[in-house]
Amino acid sequence: MRRVFGPLVIIAALCAALSGCGKKAQQAQNAPSDSLLASATPRDGGTVIRRLDSECKTLNWVLYTTAYELFVLRHIYDPVLDYDVNGNLVPVLASELP
C-alpha cells in the first residue's frame, strides 16, 4: 500500500504545482483595453461603496466616538473652515476668513 500511496502523493503535488503555470497568456487577454481606460476617467455623480470594519452608530459631529464615524463624517459633511498642509485655516464653505 505504501508503494502506491507515495507516488500518488508526488503526482498530486506536481499537478497542483503545475496547475498555476500558463496563466500569463490568459492574463494578457484579460487586460483592460484603451476604451475601458478612457471610460474610467473621473466624472461627477455616481455612488461610492466602501466597507468599514465597524458600523457607525451615529452621524452626529457632537456624538461620534470612533475613527470609523469620523471617517464617514468627514466624507459626508464639508466643514466651514479647514486646515491646509501648513496648518493655516482656509475657508471651505465660508466665503472668506473672519
C-alpha atoms as a PDB file:
ATOM      1  CA  MET A   1       0.000   0.000   0.000  1.00  0.00           C
ATOM      2  CA  ARG A   2       2.896   2.357   0.768  1.00  0.00           C
ATOM      3  CA  ARG A   3       4.379   1.768  -2.684  1.00  0.00           C
ATOM      4  CA  VAL A   4       1.200   3.036  -4.346  1.00  0.00           C
ATOM      5  CA  PHE A   5       0.444   5.868  -1.904  1.00  0.00           C
ATOM      6  CA  GLY A   6       3.867   7.590  -2.157  1.00  0.00           C
ATOM      7  CA  PRO A   7       3.861   8.088  -5.959  1.00  0.00           C
ATOM      8  CA  LEU A   8       0.211   9.209  -5.857  1.00  0.00           C
ATOM      9  CA  VAL A   9       1.088  11.936  -3.366  1.00  0.00           C
ATOM     10  CA  ILE A  10       4.004  13.079  -5.538  1.00  0.00           C
ATOM     11  CA  ILE A  11       1.851  13.121  -8.681  1.00  0.00           C
ATOM     12  CA  ALA A  12      -0.901  15.055  -6.899  1.00  0.00           C
ATOM     13  CA  ALA A  13       1.619  17.609  -5.613  1.00  0.00           C
ATOM     14  CA  LEU A  14       3.106  18.056  -9.100  1.00  0.00           C
ATOM     15  CA  CYS A  15      -0.353  18.502 -10.625  1.00  0.00           C
ATOM     16  CA  ALA A  16      -1.223  21.123  -8.031  1.00  0.00           C
ATOM     17  CA  ALA A  17       2.067  22.966  -8.580  1.00  0.00           C
ATOM     18  CA  LEU A  18       1.833  22.880 -12.376  1.00  0.00           C
ATOM     19  CA  SER A  19      -1.829  23.932 -12.492  1.00  0.00           C
ATOM     20  CA  GLY A  20      -0.763  27.543 -11.902  1.00  0.00           C
ATOM     21  CA  CYS A  21       1.504  27.553 -14.953  1.00  0.00           C
ATOM     22  CA  GLY A  22       0.407  29.048 -18.244  1.00  0.00           C
ATOM     23  CA  LYS A  23      -1.754  31.854 -16.815  1.00  0.00           C
ATOM     24  CA  LYS A  24       0.329  34.680 -18.379  1.00  0.00           C
ATOM     25  CA  ALA A  25      -1.338  34.465 -21.804  1.00  0.00           C
ATOM     26  CA  GLN A  26      -4.771  34.375 -20.226  1.00  0.00           C
ATOM     27  CA  GLN A  27      -3.946  37.421 -18.063  1.00  0.00           C
ATOM     28  CA  ALA A  28      -2.825  39.339 -21.154  1.00  0.00           C
ATOM     29  CA  GLN A  29      -6.189  38.637 -22.761  1.00  0.00           C
ATOM     30  CA  ASN A  30      -7.975  39.957 -19.667  1.00  0.00           C
ATOM     31  CA  ALA A  31      -6.003  43.233 -19.630  1.00  0.00           C
ATOM     32  CA  PRO A  32      -8.211  46.339 -19.913  1.00  0.00           C
ATOM     33  CA  SER A  33      -8.461  47.839 -23.374  1.00  0.00           C
ATOM     34  CA  ASP A  34      -7.877  51.502 -24.209  1.00  0.00           C
ATOM     35  CA  SER A  35     -11.614  52.137 -24.490  1.00  0.00           C
ATOM     36  CA  LEU A  36     -12.132  50.865 -20.943  1.00  0.00           C
ATOM     37  CA  LEU A  37      -9.313  53.055 -19.651  1.00  0.00           C
ATOM     38  CA  ALA A  38     -10.774  56.087 -21.415  1.00  0.00           C
ATOM     39  CA  SER A  39     -14.175  55.437 -19.833  1.00  0.00           C
ATOM     40  CA  ALA A  40     -12.542  55.172 -16.403  1.00  0.00           C
ATOM     41  CA  THR A  41     -11.814  58.902 -16.252  1.00  0.00           C
ATOM     42  CA  PRO A  42     -13.354  60.624 -13.204  1.00  0.00           C
ATOM     43  CA  ARG A  43     -16.728  62.298 -13.606  1.00  0.00           C
ATOM     44  CA  ASP A  44     -19.281  63.911 -11.315  1.00  0.00           C
ATOM     45  CA  GLY A  45     -22.085  61.915  -9.760  1.00  0.00           C
ATOM     46  CA  GLY A  46     -22.325  58.221  -9.022  1.00  0.00           C
ATOM     47  CA  THR A  47     -22.082  56.128  -5.885  1.00  0.00           C
ATOM     48  CA  VAL A  48     -19.159  55.297  -3.628  1.00  0.00           C
ATOM     49  CA  ILE A  49     -19.324  51.946  -1.858  1.00  0.00           C
ATOM     50  CA  ARG A  50     -16.802  51.340   0.899  1.00  0.00           C
ATOM     51  CA  ARG A  51     -16.697  48.601   3.508  1.00  0.00           C
ATOM     52  CA  LEU A  52     -15.808  49.561   7.058  1.00  0.00           C
ATOM     53  CA  ASP A  53     -14.693  47.172   9.793  1.00  0.00           C
ATOM     54  CA  SER A  54     -17.212  48.647  12.203  1.00  0.00           C
ATOM     55  CA  GLU A  55     -20.732  50.014  11.912  1.00  0.00           C
ATOM     56  CA  CYS A  56     -21.300  53.710  12.517  1.00  0.00           C
ATOM     57  CA  LYS A  57     -23.584  54.284  15.482  1.00  0.00           C
ATOM     58  CA  THR A  58     -24.142  57.976  14.764  1.00  0.00           C
ATOM     59  CA  LEU A  59     -23.663  60.572  12.052  1.00  0.00           C
ATOM     60  CA  ASN A  60     -23.692  63.444  14.525  1.00  0.00           C
ATOM     61  CA  TRP A  61     -20.498  65.513  14.873  1.00  0.00           C
ATOM     62  CA  VAL A  62     -21.148  66.016  18.579  1.00  0.00           C
ATOM     63  CA  LEU A  63     -21.744  62.345  19.428  1.00  0.00           C
ATOM     64  CA  TYR A  64     -19.180  60.450  17.317  1.00  0.00           C
ATOM     65  CA  THR A  65     -16.729  58.240  19.234  1.00  0.00           C
ATOM     66  CA  THR A  66     -14.905  56.018  16.740  1.00  0.00           C
ATOM     67  CA  ALA A  67     -12.453  56.642  13.932  1.00  0.00           C
ATOM     68  CA  TYR A  68     -14.879  54.993  11.503  1.00  0.00           C
ATOM     69  CA  GLU A  69     -17.582  57.504  12.366  1.00  0.00           C
ATOM     70  CA  LEU A  70     -15.095  60.341  11.881  1.00  0.00           C
ATOM     71  CA  PHE A  71     -14.077  58.902   8.506  1.00  0.00           C
ATOM     72  CA  VAL A  72     -17.688  58.826   7.335  1.00  0.00           C
ATOM     73  CA  LEU A  73     -18.493  62.255   8.766  1.00  0.00           C
ATOM     74  CA  ARG A  74     -15.528  63.875   7.004  1.00  0.00           C
ATOM     75  CA  HIS A  75     -16.743  62.488   3.676  1.00  0.00           C
ATOM     76  CA  ILE A  76     -20.405  63.412   4.171  1.00  0.00           C
ATOM     77  CA  TYR A  77     -20.167  66.932   5.567  1.00  0.00           C
ATOM     78  CA  ASP A  78     -17.983  69.834   4.467  1.00  0.00           C
ATOM     79  CA  PRO A  79     -16.588  71.987   7.285  1.00  0.00           C
ATOM     80  CA  VAL A  80     -16.983  75.769   7.356  1.00  0.00           C
ATOM     81  CA  LEU A  81     -13.206  76.117   7.808  1.00  0.00           C
ATOM     82  CA  ASP A  82     -10.430  73.577   7.453  1.00  0.00           C
ATOM     83  CA  TYR A  83      -6.644  73.442   7.742  1.00  0.00           C
ATOM     84  CA  ASP A  84      -4.214  73.249   4.827  1.00  0.00           C
ATOM     85  CA  VAL A  85      -0.937  71.275   4.874  1.00  0.00           C
ATOM     86  CA  ASN A  86       0.846  74.188   6.588  1.00  0.00           C
ATOM     87  CA  GLY A  87      -1.701  74.346   9.419  1.00  0.00           C
ATOM     88  CA  ASN A  88      -3.339  77.566   8.227  1.00  0.00           C
ATOM     89  CA  LEU A  89      -7.109  77.998   8.318  1.00  0.00           C
ATOM     90  CA  VAL A  90      -8.698  78.035   4.874  1.00  0.00           C
ATOM     91  CA  PRO A  91     -12.370  78.619   4.042  1.00  0.00           C
ATOM     92  CA  VAL A  92     -14.308  75.652   2.686  1.00  0.00           C
ATOM     93  CA  LEU A  93     -17.978  76.630   2.958  1.00  0.00           C
ATOM     94  CA  ALA A  94     -17.184  80.133   4.179  1.00  0.00           C
ATOM     95  CA  SER A  95     -16.604  82.795   1.554  1.00  0.00           C
ATOM     96  CA  GLU A  96     -13.633  84.251   3.459  1.00  0.00           C
ATOM     97  CA  LEU A  97     -11.863  84.033   6.798  1.00  0.00           C
ATOM     98  CA  PRO A  98     -13.399  86.182   9.572  1.00  0.00           C
END
